[in-house]
Amino acid sequence: MNISIKTWATGFSVVFYLFLLSGCTTYPLLGTQGEKVPHDYLIGPGDTLNIIVWRNPEISMSVPVRPDGKITTPLVEDLPASGKTSTELARDIEETLAKYLQQPVVTVVITGFIGPFDEQVRVIGEASQPQALPYRENMSLMDVMIAVGGLTDFAAGNRARIIRSIDGEQQQFRVRLDDLIRDGDISANVPVYQGDVLVIPESYF
């Protein structure tokens, strides 16, 4: 009887493990996914913007992007900023200021970076400091793990997965965090893209 129960439990564990991995594919090695499409940084809520209006220091100032994605400056009220590049926002400010100034020239410098929520990299589960991170160009899995302080003692790092939206569909990729962090296997380092969600499960034992 004990043997049957043990055999059943072992079989159940294997089936359950395979179920968790279903739908996941092994992540390609770093640098094997082809050339990345250039991506301009987009402004997001919480970013800090330094707005410079040429020859008009009295209306040049540093402002935060509000939680609703808008900014307010002298002569410019409730202007949407989230989701735009700094150049696009500068042109929008010039258009508004043209009602009051002759041929205004505006430069927008981003000095605090958070970015739109849908482009942040989120880490959940058994990380030392689970959090949402601003995406940076050429970001890799190692960069993400450094930012979140590594794994907890209860993490099942080699069962971690990245969830990514590709053409409107959610896809999952297995990653090997234990091999990367604890064994120093650099081949386990992979690219991270805007909007990725890294899920780190808890170990069974």
N, C-alpha and C. Protein backbone atom coordinates (compact mmCIF):
# COMPACT_ATOMS: atom_id res chain seq x y z
N MET A 1 0.83 -1.20 0.00
CA MET A 1 0.00 0.00 0.00
C MET A 1 0.86 1.25 0.00
N ASN A 2 1.91 1.22 0.85
CA ASN A 2 2.80 2.38 0.93
C ASN A 2 3.52 2.61 -0.39
N ILE A 3 3.89 1.50 -1.05
CA ILE A 3 4.59 1.62 -2.33
C ILE A 3 3.66 2.25 -3.38
N SER A 4 2.38 1.84 -3.36
CA SER A 4 1.43 2.38 -4.32
C SER A 4 1.24 3.88 -4.13
N ILE A 5 1.11 4.28 -2.86
CA ILE A 5 0.94 5.70 -2.57
C ILE A 5 2.16 6.48 -3.00
N LYS A 6 3.35 5.94 -2.72
CA LYS A 6 4.58 6.63 -3.10
C LYS A 6 4.69 6.75 -4.61
N THR A 7 4.35 5.64 -5.30
CA THR A 7 4.41 5.66 -6.76
C THR A 7 3.43 6.67 -7.33
N TRP A 8 2.20 6.70 -6.76
CA TRP A 8 1.19 7.65 -7.24
C TRP A 8 1.65 9.09 -7.01
N ALA A 9 2.24 9.35 -5.81
CA ALA A 9 2.70 10.70 -5.49
C ALA A 9 3.80 11.14 -6.43
N THR A 10 4.72 10.20 -6.73
CA THR A 10 5.81 10.54 -7.64
C THR A 10 5.28 10.85 -9.03
N GLY A 11 4.34 10.01 -9.49
CA GLY A 11 3.76 10.24 -10.80
C GLY A 11 3.01 11.55 -10.87
N PHE A 12 2.28 11.86 -9.78
CA PHE A 12 1.54 13.13 -9.74
C PHE A 12 2.49 14.32 -9.81
N SER A 13 3.61 14.23 -9.09
CA SER A 13 4.58 15.33 -9.08
C SER A 13 5.13 15.57 -10.47
N VAL A 14 5.43 14.46 -11.18
CA VAL A 14 5.97 14.60 -12.53
C VAL A 14 4.94 15.24 -13.46
N VAL A 15 3.69 14.75 -13.38
CA VAL A 15 2.64 15.30 -14.23
C VAL A 15 2.40 16.76 -13.92
N PHE A 16 2.38 17.11 -12.61
CA PHE A 16 2.15 18.50 -12.20
C PHE A 16 3.28 19.40 -12.70
N TYR A 17 4.51 18.91 -12.62
CA TYR A 17 5.66 19.68 -13.08
C TYR A 17 5.58 19.93 -14.59
N LEU A 18 5.21 18.87 -15.33
CA LEU A 18 5.08 19.02 -16.77
C LEU A 18 3.95 19.97 -17.13
N PHE A 19 2.88 19.95 -16.30
CA PHE A 19 1.77 20.87 -16.54
C PHE A 19 2.22 22.32 -16.40
N LEU A 20 3.07 22.58 -15.38
CA LEU A 20 3.55 23.94 -15.17
C LEU A 20 4.40 24.42 -16.34
N LEU A 21 5.12 23.48 -16.94
CA LEU A 21 6.01 23.86 -18.04
C LEU A 21 5.30 23.91 -19.39
N SER A 22 4.06 23.38 -19.44
CA SER A 22 3.35 23.38 -20.71
C SER A 22 3.12 24.82 -21.16
N GLY A 23 3.29 25.04 -22.44
CA GLY A 23 3.12 26.38 -22.96
C GLY A 23 4.39 27.20 -22.89
N CYS A 24 5.43 26.68 -22.22
CA CYS A 24 6.70 27.40 -22.13
C CYS A 24 7.67 26.83 -23.16
N THR A 25 8.50 27.67 -23.72
CA THR A 25 9.56 27.23 -24.60
C THR A 25 10.89 27.69 -24.03
N THR A 26 11.93 26.96 -24.36
CA THR A 26 13.25 27.33 -23.87
C THR A 26 13.69 28.63 -24.52
N TYR A 27 14.22 29.52 -23.73
CA TYR A 27 14.61 30.84 -24.21
C TYR A 27 15.88 30.72 -25.04
N PRO A 28 15.95 31.36 -26.23
CA PRO A 28 17.17 31.34 -27.03
C PRO A 28 18.32 32.03 -26.30
N LEU A 29 19.53 31.67 -26.66
CA LEU A 29 20.70 32.27 -26.04
C LEU A 29 20.81 33.74 -26.37
N LEU A 30 21.52 34.47 -25.52
CA LEU A 30 21.72 35.90 -25.73
C LEU A 30 22.40 36.13 -27.07
N GLY A 31 21.83 37.05 -27.85
CA GLY A 31 22.44 37.40 -29.12
C GLY A 31 22.02 36.52 -30.28
N THR A 32 21.05 35.58 -30.05
CA THR A 32 20.63 34.70 -31.14
C THR A 32 19.24 35.04 -31.66
N GLN A 33 18.68 36.15 -31.21
CA GLN A 33 17.31 36.46 -31.58
C GLN A 33 17.21 37.46 -32.73
N GLY A 34 18.32 37.74 -33.37
CA GLY A 34 18.27 38.68 -34.48
C GLY A 34 18.39 40.12 -34.02
N GLU A 35 18.42 41.01 -34.98
CA GLU A 35 18.61 42.42 -34.69
C GLU A 35 17.35 43.02 -34.08
N LYS A 36 17.51 43.78 -33.00
CA LYS A 36 16.38 44.41 -32.34
C LYS A 36 15.96 45.67 -33.09
N VAL A 37 14.66 45.93 -33.06
CA VAL A 37 14.15 47.14 -33.69
C VAL A 37 14.47 48.34 -32.79
N PRO A 38 15.06 49.41 -33.35
CA PRO A 38 15.38 50.59 -32.53
C PRO A 38 14.13 51.10 -31.82
N HIS A 39 14.31 51.53 -30.59
CA HIS A 39 13.17 51.96 -29.79
C HIS A 39 13.51 53.25 -29.07
N ASP A 40 12.73 54.31 -29.33
CA ASP A 40 12.92 55.57 -28.64
C ASP A 40 12.28 55.51 -27.26
N TYR A 41 12.91 56.17 -26.30
CA TYR A 41 12.36 56.20 -24.95
C TYR A 41 11.06 57.01 -24.94
N LEU A 42 10.04 56.46 -24.31
CA LEU A 42 8.76 57.12 -24.19
C LEU A 42 8.56 57.61 -22.76
N ILE A 43 8.04 58.80 -22.64
CA ILE A 43 7.80 59.41 -21.33
C ILE A 43 6.68 58.67 -20.61
N GLY A 44 6.82 58.55 -19.29
CA GLY A 44 5.80 57.88 -18.49
C GLY A 44 5.50 58.65 -17.23
N PRO A 45 4.38 58.33 -16.54
CA PRO A 45 4.04 58.98 -15.27
C PRO A 45 5.18 58.80 -14.25
N GLY A 46 5.53 59.88 -13.57
CA GLY A 46 6.62 59.84 -12.61
C GLY A 46 7.95 60.30 -13.15
N ASP A 47 8.08 60.40 -14.48
CA ASP A 47 9.31 60.93 -15.07
C ASP A 47 9.45 62.41 -14.70
N THR A 48 10.69 62.88 -14.67
CA THR A 48 10.97 64.29 -14.43
C THR A 48 11.47 64.91 -15.73
N LEU A 49 10.87 66.03 -16.11
CA LEU A 49 11.20 66.68 -17.39
C LEU A 49 11.75 68.07 -17.14
N ASN A 50 12.86 68.37 -17.79
CA ASN A 50 13.42 69.72 -17.76
C ASN A 50 13.01 70.40 -19.07
N ILE A 51 12.10 71.37 -18.99
CA ILE A 51 11.56 72.04 -20.17
C ILE A 51 12.25 73.39 -20.33
N ILE A 52 12.96 73.53 -21.44
CA ILE A 52 13.75 74.74 -21.71
C ILE A 52 13.13 75.48 -22.89
N VAL A 53 12.69 76.71 -22.64
CA VAL A 53 12.14 77.55 -23.70
C VAL A 53 13.19 78.60 -24.03
N TRP A 54 13.73 78.56 -25.23
CA TRP A 54 14.85 79.41 -25.61
C TRP A 54 14.48 80.88 -25.47
N ARG A 55 15.38 81.61 -24.77
CA ARG A 55 15.24 83.05 -24.52
C ARG A 55 14.05 83.40 -23.63
N ASN A 56 13.52 82.40 -22.95
CA ASN A 56 12.41 82.65 -22.03
C ASN A 56 12.62 81.86 -20.73
N PRO A 57 13.62 82.26 -19.95
CA PRO A 57 13.93 81.51 -18.72
C PRO A 57 12.80 81.55 -17.70
N GLU A 58 11.95 82.55 -17.76
CA GLU A 58 10.88 82.67 -16.77
C GLU A 58 9.82 81.58 -16.93
N ILE A 59 9.74 80.97 -18.10
CA ILE A 59 8.78 79.87 -18.27
C ILE A 59 9.48 78.55 -18.53
N SER A 60 10.80 78.55 -18.34
CA SER A 60 11.55 77.30 -18.41
C SER A 60 11.62 76.71 -17.01
N MET A 61 11.37 75.41 -16.87
CA MET A 61 11.34 74.83 -15.54
C MET A 61 11.38 73.31 -15.61
N SER A 62 11.62 72.70 -14.45
CA SER A 62 11.59 71.24 -14.32
C SER A 62 10.24 70.83 -13.73
N VAL A 63 9.59 69.86 -14.35
CA VAL A 63 8.27 69.43 -13.88
C VAL A 63 8.19 67.91 -13.87
N PRO A 64 7.39 67.35 -12.95
CA PRO A 64 7.13 65.91 -12.99
C PRO A 64 5.95 65.60 -13.89
N VAL A 65 5.94 64.39 -14.42
CA VAL A 65 4.77 63.93 -15.16
C VAL A 65 3.80 63.35 -14.12
N ARG A 66 2.59 63.88 -14.11
CA ARG A 66 1.61 63.50 -13.11
C ARG A 66 1.15 62.06 -13.30
N PRO A 67 0.51 61.47 -12.29
CA PRO A 67 -0.01 60.10 -12.44
C PRO A 67 -0.98 59.94 -13.59
N ASP A 68 -1.65 61.04 -14.00
CA ASP A 68 -2.57 60.94 -15.14
C ASP A 68 -1.85 61.12 -16.48
N GLY A 69 -0.50 61.24 -16.44
CA GLY A 69 0.29 61.32 -17.66
C GLY A 69 0.39 62.71 -18.26
N LYS A 70 -0.06 63.74 -17.54
CA LYS A 70 -0.03 65.10 -18.06
C LYS A 70 0.98 65.96 -17.31
N ILE A 71 1.31 67.11 -17.89
CA ILE A 71 2.20 68.08 -17.24
C ILE A 71 1.53 69.45 -17.26
N THR A 72 1.98 70.30 -16.35
CA THR A 72 1.52 71.69 -16.32
C THR A 72 2.72 72.59 -16.13
N THR A 73 2.85 73.59 -17.00
CA THR A 73 3.91 74.59 -16.89
C THR A 73 3.28 75.97 -17.10
N PRO A 74 4.02 77.03 -16.84
CA PRO A 74 3.47 78.35 -17.14
C PRO A 74 3.03 78.45 -18.60
N LEU A 75 1.80 78.90 -18.80
CA LEU A 75 1.17 79.06 -20.11
C LEU A 75 0.74 77.74 -20.76
N VAL A 76 1.09 76.61 -20.14
CA VAL A 76 0.72 75.30 -20.69
C VAL A 76 0.07 74.50 -19.57
N GLU A 77 -1.23 74.21 -19.72
CA GLU A 77 -1.95 73.49 -18.67
C GLU A 77 -2.44 72.14 -19.18
N ASP A 78 -2.24 71.12 -18.34
CA ASP A 78 -2.80 69.79 -18.58
C ASP A 78 -2.48 69.27 -19.97
N LEU A 79 -1.20 69.29 -20.32
CA LEU A 79 -0.78 68.80 -21.63
C LEU A 79 -0.38 67.32 -21.51
N PRO A 80 -0.98 66.43 -22.29
CA PRO A 80 -0.59 65.01 -22.23
C PRO A 80 0.88 64.82 -22.61
N ALA A 81 1.60 64.04 -21.77
CA ALA A 81 3.01 63.80 -22.03
C ALA A 81 3.34 62.31 -22.10
N SER A 82 2.59 61.49 -21.38
CA SER A 82 2.89 60.06 -21.31
C SER A 82 2.74 59.40 -22.68
N GLY A 83 3.69 58.54 -23.00
CA GLY A 83 3.65 57.82 -24.27
C GLY A 83 4.30 58.56 -25.42
N LYS A 84 4.83 59.77 -25.18
CA LYS A 84 5.47 60.55 -26.23
C LYS A 84 6.99 60.54 -26.04
N THR A 85 7.70 60.78 -27.13
CA THR A 85 9.14 61.01 -27.02
C THR A 85 9.36 62.46 -26.58
N SER A 86 10.56 62.77 -26.13
CA SER A 86 10.86 64.14 -25.70
C SER A 86 10.70 65.12 -26.87
N THR A 87 11.04 64.69 -28.08
CA THR A 87 10.91 65.56 -29.25
C THR A 87 9.44 65.83 -29.57
N GLU A 88 8.61 64.80 -29.50
CA GLU A 88 7.18 64.98 -29.76
C GLU A 88 6.56 65.94 -28.75
N LEU A 89 6.94 65.78 -27.48
CA LEU A 89 6.39 66.67 -26.46
C LEU A 89 6.86 68.10 -26.66
N ALA A 90 8.12 68.28 -27.06
CA ALA A 90 8.63 69.62 -27.30
C ALA A 90 7.84 70.32 -28.41
N ARG A 91 7.50 69.59 -29.46
CA ARG A 91 6.71 70.19 -30.55
C ARG A 91 5.30 70.55 -30.05
N ASP A 92 4.73 69.71 -29.20
CA ASP A 92 3.39 70.00 -28.67
C ASP A 92 3.42 71.26 -27.79
N ILE A 93 4.48 71.41 -27.01
CA ILE A 93 4.60 72.60 -26.15
C ILE A 93 4.77 73.84 -27.01
N GLU A 94 5.58 73.73 -28.07
CA GLU A 94 5.76 74.87 -28.97
C GLU A 94 4.43 75.30 -29.59
N GLU A 95 3.63 74.32 -29.96
CA GLU A 95 2.33 74.64 -30.57
C GLU A 95 1.44 75.41 -29.60
N THR A 96 1.47 75.00 -28.33
CA THR A 96 0.65 75.69 -27.33
C THR A 96 1.21 77.08 -27.04
N LEU A 97 2.54 77.18 -26.91
CA LEU A 97 3.15 78.47 -26.60
C LEU A 97 3.05 79.47 -27.74
N ALA A 98 2.84 78.97 -28.97
CA ALA A 98 2.74 79.87 -30.13
C ALA A 98 1.56 80.82 -30.01
N LYS A 99 0.62 80.53 -29.11
CA LYS A 99 -0.50 81.43 -28.88
C LYS A 99 -0.05 82.68 -28.11
N TYR A 100 1.10 82.58 -27.42
CA TYR A 100 1.55 83.66 -26.56
C TYR A 100 2.92 84.21 -26.97
N LEU A 101 3.75 83.40 -27.60
CA LEU A 101 5.11 83.80 -27.98
C LEU A 101 5.28 83.66 -29.49
N GLN A 102 6.20 84.45 -30.02
CA GLN A 102 6.47 84.37 -31.45
C GLN A 102 7.56 83.33 -31.70
N GLN A 103 7.22 82.29 -32.48
CA GLN A 103 8.13 81.22 -32.86
C GLN A 103 8.91 80.67 -31.66
N PRO A 104 8.23 80.11 -30.67
CA PRO A 104 8.93 79.54 -29.52
C PRO A 104 9.75 78.32 -29.92
N VAL A 105 10.90 78.16 -29.27
CA VAL A 105 11.77 77.01 -29.49
C VAL A 105 11.92 76.29 -28.15
N VAL A 106 11.48 75.04 -28.11
CA VAL A 106 11.44 74.29 -26.85
C VAL A 106 12.30 73.03 -26.94
N THR A 107 13.02 72.76 -25.88
CA THR A 107 13.77 71.51 -25.73
C THR A 107 13.30 70.82 -24.46
N VAL A 108 13.03 69.54 -24.55
CA VAL A 108 12.63 68.75 -23.38
C VAL A 108 13.73 67.75 -23.06
N VAL A 109 14.26 67.83 -21.85
CA VAL A 109 15.30 66.90 -21.39
C VAL A 109 14.72 66.06 -20.26
N ILE A 110 14.78 64.75 -20.42
CA ILE A 110 14.27 63.84 -19.40
C ILE A 110 15.39 63.58 -18.40
N THR A 111 15.14 63.89 -17.12
CA THR A 111 16.18 63.73 -16.10
C THR A 111 15.86 62.64 -15.08
N GLY A 112 14.61 62.18 -15.03
CA GLY A 112 14.24 61.08 -14.15
C GLY A 112 13.46 60.07 -14.95
N PHE A 113 13.90 58.82 -14.93
CA PHE A 113 13.36 57.83 -15.86
C PHE A 113 12.53 56.76 -15.14
N ILE A 114 11.29 56.63 -15.54
CA ILE A 114 10.43 55.53 -15.09
C ILE A 114 9.80 54.85 -16.30
N GLY A 115 9.27 55.66 -17.20
CA GLY A 115 8.70 55.13 -18.43
C GLY A 115 7.26 54.68 -18.28
N PRO A 116 6.57 54.45 -19.40
CA PRO A 116 5.18 53.98 -19.35
C PRO A 116 5.09 52.63 -18.64
N PHE A 117 3.98 52.39 -17.97
CA PHE A 117 3.83 51.15 -17.22
C PHE A 117 3.91 49.92 -18.11
N ASP A 118 3.36 50.02 -19.34
CA ASP A 118 3.35 48.84 -20.20
C ASP A 118 4.72 48.53 -20.79
N GLU A 119 5.72 49.38 -20.53
CA GLU A 119 7.08 49.10 -21.00
C GLU A 119 8.03 48.75 -19.86
N GLN A 120 7.54 48.79 -18.63
CA GLN A 120 8.39 48.43 -17.50
C GLN A 120 8.59 46.92 -17.43
N VAL A 121 9.71 46.51 -16.87
CA VAL A 121 10.01 45.10 -16.65
C VAL A 121 9.62 44.76 -15.22
N ARG A 122 8.69 43.81 -15.06
CA ARG A 122 8.19 43.47 -13.73
C ARG A 122 8.76 42.13 -13.27
N VAL A 123 9.16 42.09 -12.01
CA VAL A 123 9.68 40.87 -11.41
C VAL A 123 8.80 40.51 -10.22
N ILE A 124 8.19 39.33 -10.25
CA ILE A 124 7.31 38.90 -9.18
C ILE A 124 7.74 37.52 -8.68
N GLY A 125 7.34 37.21 -7.46
CA GLY A 125 7.69 35.91 -6.89
C GLY A 125 8.88 35.99 -5.98
N GLU A 126 9.73 34.95 -6.04
CA GLU A 126 10.81 34.77 -5.08
C GLU A 126 12.09 35.53 -5.45
N ALA A 127 11.95 36.83 -5.67
CA ALA A 127 13.12 37.71 -5.80
C ALA A 127 13.31 38.42 -4.46
N SER A 128 14.53 38.82 -4.15
CA SER A 128 14.78 39.49 -2.87
C SER A 128 14.00 40.79 -2.78
N GLN A 129 13.88 41.50 -3.90
CA GLN A 129 13.13 42.77 -3.92
C GLN A 129 12.26 42.82 -5.18
N PRO A 130 11.12 42.10 -5.18
CA PRO A 130 10.24 42.14 -6.35
C PRO A 130 9.82 43.59 -6.65
N GLN A 131 9.87 43.96 -7.91
CA GLN A 131 9.55 45.35 -8.26
C GLN A 131 9.39 45.50 -9.76
N ALA A 132 8.93 46.68 -10.17
CA ALA A 132 8.86 47.06 -11.58
C ALA A 132 10.07 47.93 -11.89
N LEU A 133 10.76 47.62 -12.98
CA LEU A 133 12.00 48.32 -13.34
C LEU A 133 11.81 49.07 -14.66
N PRO A 134 12.35 50.28 -14.77
CA PRO A 134 12.35 50.94 -16.07
C PRO A 134 13.21 50.16 -17.06
N TYR A 135 12.71 49.99 -18.27
CA TYR A 135 13.48 49.27 -19.28
C TYR A 135 14.65 50.13 -19.76
N ARG A 136 15.79 49.47 -19.96
CA ARG A 136 16.97 50.13 -20.51
C ARG A 136 17.45 49.36 -21.73
N GLU A 137 18.01 50.08 -22.68
CA GLU A 137 18.46 49.45 -23.92
C GLU A 137 19.46 48.34 -23.62
N ASN A 138 19.32 47.23 -24.34
CA ASN A 138 20.19 46.06 -24.21
C ASN A 138 20.14 45.45 -22.81
N MET A 139 19.01 45.58 -22.13
CA MET A 139 18.84 45.00 -20.80
C MET A 139 18.86 43.47 -20.90
N SER A 140 19.51 42.83 -19.94
CA SER A 140 19.57 41.37 -19.93
C SER A 140 19.03 40.84 -18.62
N LEU A 141 18.86 39.53 -18.56
CA LEU A 141 18.35 38.88 -17.35
C LEU A 141 19.28 39.14 -16.16
N MET A 142 20.58 39.16 -16.41
CA MET A 142 21.52 39.44 -15.33
C MET A 142 21.33 40.84 -14.77
N ASP A 143 21.10 41.83 -15.63
CA ASP A 143 20.85 43.19 -15.18
C ASP A 143 19.61 43.25 -14.28
N VAL A 144 18.58 42.52 -14.67
CA VAL A 144 17.34 42.50 -13.88
C VAL A 144 17.60 41.88 -12.50
N MET A 145 18.33 40.78 -12.46
CA MET A 145 18.57 40.11 -11.18
C MET A 145 19.45 40.93 -10.25
N ILE A 146 20.38 41.69 -10.80
CA ILE A 146 21.19 42.59 -9.98
C ILE A 146 20.29 43.66 -9.37
N ALA A 147 19.36 44.19 -10.16
CA ALA A 147 18.48 45.27 -9.69
C ALA A 147 17.55 44.80 -8.58
N VAL A 148 17.12 43.54 -8.62
CA VAL A 148 16.18 43.04 -7.61
C VAL A 148 16.89 42.30 -6.47
N GLY A 149 18.21 42.30 -6.47
CA GLY A 149 18.96 41.72 -5.36
C GLY A 149 19.06 40.22 -5.36
N GLY A 150 18.83 39.58 -6.51
CA GLY A 150 18.98 38.14 -6.59
C GLY A 150 17.74 37.39 -6.13
N LEU A 151 17.94 36.10 -5.79
CA LEU A 151 16.85 35.21 -5.41
C LEU A 151 16.76 35.04 -3.90
N THR A 152 15.58 34.66 -3.43
CA THR A 152 15.43 34.28 -2.02
C THR A 152 15.92 32.84 -1.85
N ASP A 153 16.01 32.40 -0.60
CA ASP A 153 16.44 31.03 -0.32
C ASP A 153 15.40 30.00 -0.74
N PHE A 154 14.19 30.44 -1.00
CA PHE A 154 13.10 29.52 -1.32
C PHE A 154 12.78 29.50 -2.82
N ALA A 155 13.60 30.18 -3.62
CA ALA A 155 13.29 30.30 -5.05
C ALA A 155 13.67 29.03 -5.81
N ALA A 156 12.84 28.70 -6.77
CA ALA A 156 13.15 27.65 -7.73
C ALA A 156 13.58 28.35 -9.03
N GLY A 157 14.81 28.79 -9.04
CA GLY A 157 15.29 29.66 -10.11
C GLY A 157 15.23 29.05 -11.49
N ASN A 158 15.48 27.76 -11.60
CA ASN A 158 15.48 27.13 -12.92
C ASN A 158 14.08 26.80 -13.42
N ARG A 159 13.07 27.10 -12.61
CA ARG A 159 11.68 26.98 -13.08
C ARG A 159 11.07 28.34 -13.35
N ALA A 160 11.89 29.37 -13.34
CA ALA A 160 11.40 30.73 -13.61
C ALA A 160 11.03 30.85 -15.09
N ARG A 161 10.19 31.82 -15.38
CA ARG A 161 9.78 32.02 -16.77
C ARG A 161 9.55 33.50 -17.04
N ILE A 162 9.74 33.86 -18.29
CA ILE A 162 9.44 35.21 -18.75
C ILE A 162 8.14 35.16 -19.55
N ILE A 163 7.20 36.03 -19.20
CA ILE A 163 5.94 36.15 -19.92
C ILE A 163 6.03 37.40 -20.79
N ARG A 164 5.78 37.21 -22.08
CA ARG A 164 5.97 38.31 -23.03
C ARG A 164 4.77 38.37 -23.99
N SER A 165 4.36 39.58 -24.30
CA SER A 165 3.28 39.77 -25.27
C SER A 165 3.90 39.94 -26.66
N ILE A 166 3.56 39.03 -27.57
CA ILE A 166 4.07 39.08 -28.93
C ILE A 166 2.88 39.08 -29.88
N ASP A 167 2.73 40.16 -30.63
CA ASP A 167 1.60 40.32 -31.56
C ASP A 167 0.26 40.10 -30.86
N GLY A 168 0.17 40.63 -29.64
CA GLY A 168 -1.09 40.56 -28.91
C GLY A 168 -1.33 39.24 -28.18
N GLU A 169 -0.41 38.29 -28.28
CA GLU A 169 -0.56 36.99 -27.61
C GLU A 169 0.51 36.83 -26.53
N GLN A 170 0.10 36.24 -25.40
CA GLN A 170 1.03 36.00 -24.30
C GLN A 170 1.82 34.72 -24.56
N GLN A 171 3.15 34.83 -24.54
CA GLN A 171 4.02 33.67 -24.68
C GLN A 171 4.92 33.57 -23.47
N GLN A 172 5.33 32.34 -23.14
CA GLN A 172 6.16 32.10 -21.97
C GLN A 172 7.46 31.42 -22.39
N PHE A 173 8.56 31.86 -21.75
CA PHE A 173 9.88 31.31 -22.03
C PHE A 173 10.53 30.89 -20.71
N ARG A 174 11.01 29.66 -20.66
CA ARG A 174 11.72 29.22 -19.46
C ARG A 174 13.11 29.86 -19.39
N VAL A 175 13.52 30.24 -18.20
CA VAL A 175 14.87 30.77 -17.99
C VAL A 175 15.52 30.04 -16.82
N ARG A 176 16.86 30.07 -16.76
CA ARG A 176 17.60 29.29 -15.76
C ARG A 176 18.34 30.22 -14.80
N LEU A 177 17.61 30.72 -13.82
CA LEU A 177 18.20 31.68 -12.89
C LEU A 177 19.21 31.04 -11.95
N ASP A 178 18.95 29.81 -11.51
CA ASP A 178 19.92 29.13 -10.64
C ASP A 178 21.25 28.95 -11.36
N ASP A 179 21.18 28.51 -12.61
CA ASP A 179 22.41 28.31 -13.38
C ASP A 179 23.15 29.63 -13.56
N LEU A 180 22.40 30.70 -13.79
CA LEU A 180 23.02 32.00 -14.02
C LEU A 180 23.64 32.57 -12.76
N ILE A 181 22.86 32.59 -11.67
CA ILE A 181 23.29 33.29 -10.46
C ILE A 181 24.18 32.43 -9.57
N ARG A 182 23.78 31.19 -9.33
CA ARG A 182 24.48 30.35 -8.36
C ARG A 182 25.62 29.56 -8.97
N ASP A 183 25.53 29.26 -10.28
CA ASP A 183 26.58 28.49 -10.94
C ASP A 183 27.43 29.33 -11.88
N GLY A 184 27.03 30.59 -12.10
CA GLY A 184 27.82 31.46 -12.97
C GLY A 184 27.80 31.05 -14.43
N ASP A 185 26.72 30.40 -14.87
CA ASP A 185 26.61 29.96 -16.26
C ASP A 185 26.11 31.13 -17.11
N ILE A 186 27.02 31.80 -17.79
CA ILE A 186 26.67 32.99 -18.56
C ILE A 186 25.78 32.64 -19.75
N SER A 187 25.79 31.38 -20.18
CA SER A 187 24.91 31.00 -21.29
C SER A 187 23.44 31.10 -20.91
N ALA A 188 23.16 31.20 -19.60
CA ALA A 188 21.77 31.35 -19.13
C ALA A 188 21.32 32.81 -19.16
N ASN A 189 22.23 33.71 -19.50
CA ASN A 189 21.85 35.13 -19.59
C ASN A 189 21.15 35.37 -20.93
N VAL A 190 19.99 36.03 -20.88
CA VAL A 190 19.18 36.23 -22.08
C VAL A 190 18.69 37.68 -22.14
N PRO A 191 18.29 38.16 -23.30
CA PRO A 191 17.77 39.53 -23.40
C PRO A 191 16.43 39.67 -22.71
N VAL A 192 16.17 40.87 -22.23
CA VAL A 192 14.88 41.23 -21.65
C VAL A 192 14.33 42.39 -22.47
N TYR A 193 13.02 42.35 -22.72
CA TYR A 193 12.41 43.37 -23.57
C TYR A 193 11.36 44.17 -22.81
N GLN A 194 10.92 45.27 -23.41
CA GLN A 194 9.92 46.12 -22.79
C GLN A 194 8.66 45.32 -22.48
N GLY A 195 8.14 45.51 -21.26
CA GLY A 195 6.89 44.86 -20.89
C GLY A 195 7.03 43.43 -20.42
N ASP A 196 8.23 42.88 -20.37
CA ASP A 196 8.42 41.51 -19.89
C ASP A 196 8.03 41.37 -18.43
N VAL A 197 7.49 40.20 -18.07
CA VAL A 197 7.19 39.87 -16.68
C VAL A 197 7.99 38.62 -16.33
N LEU A 198 8.87 38.74 -15.34
CA LEU A 198 9.68 37.61 -14.88
C LEU A 198 9.01 37.01 -13.65
N VAL A 199 8.61 35.75 -13.75
CA VAL A 199 7.92 35.05 -12.66
C VAL A 199 8.88 34.03 -12.06
N ILE A 200 9.14 34.17 -10.75
CA ILE A 200 10.07 33.26 -10.06
C ILE A 200 9.27 32.46 -9.04
N PRO A 201 9.03 31.17 -9.29
CA PRO A 201 8.21 30.38 -8.38
C PRO A 201 8.98 29.97 -7.12
N GLU A 202 8.22 29.47 -6.15
CA GLU A 202 8.79 28.96 -4.91
C GLU A 202 9.14 27.49 -5.09
N SER A 203 10.22 27.07 -4.46
CA SER A 203 10.62 25.67 -4.52
C SER A 203 9.62 24.79 -3.79
N TYR A 204 9.45 23.55 -4.26
CA TYR A 204 8.54 22.61 -3.61
C TYR A 204 9.05 22.15 -2.26
N PHE A 205 10.38 22.18 -2.10
CA PHE A 205 10.97 21.66 -0.85
C PHE A 205 11.80 22.74 -0.17
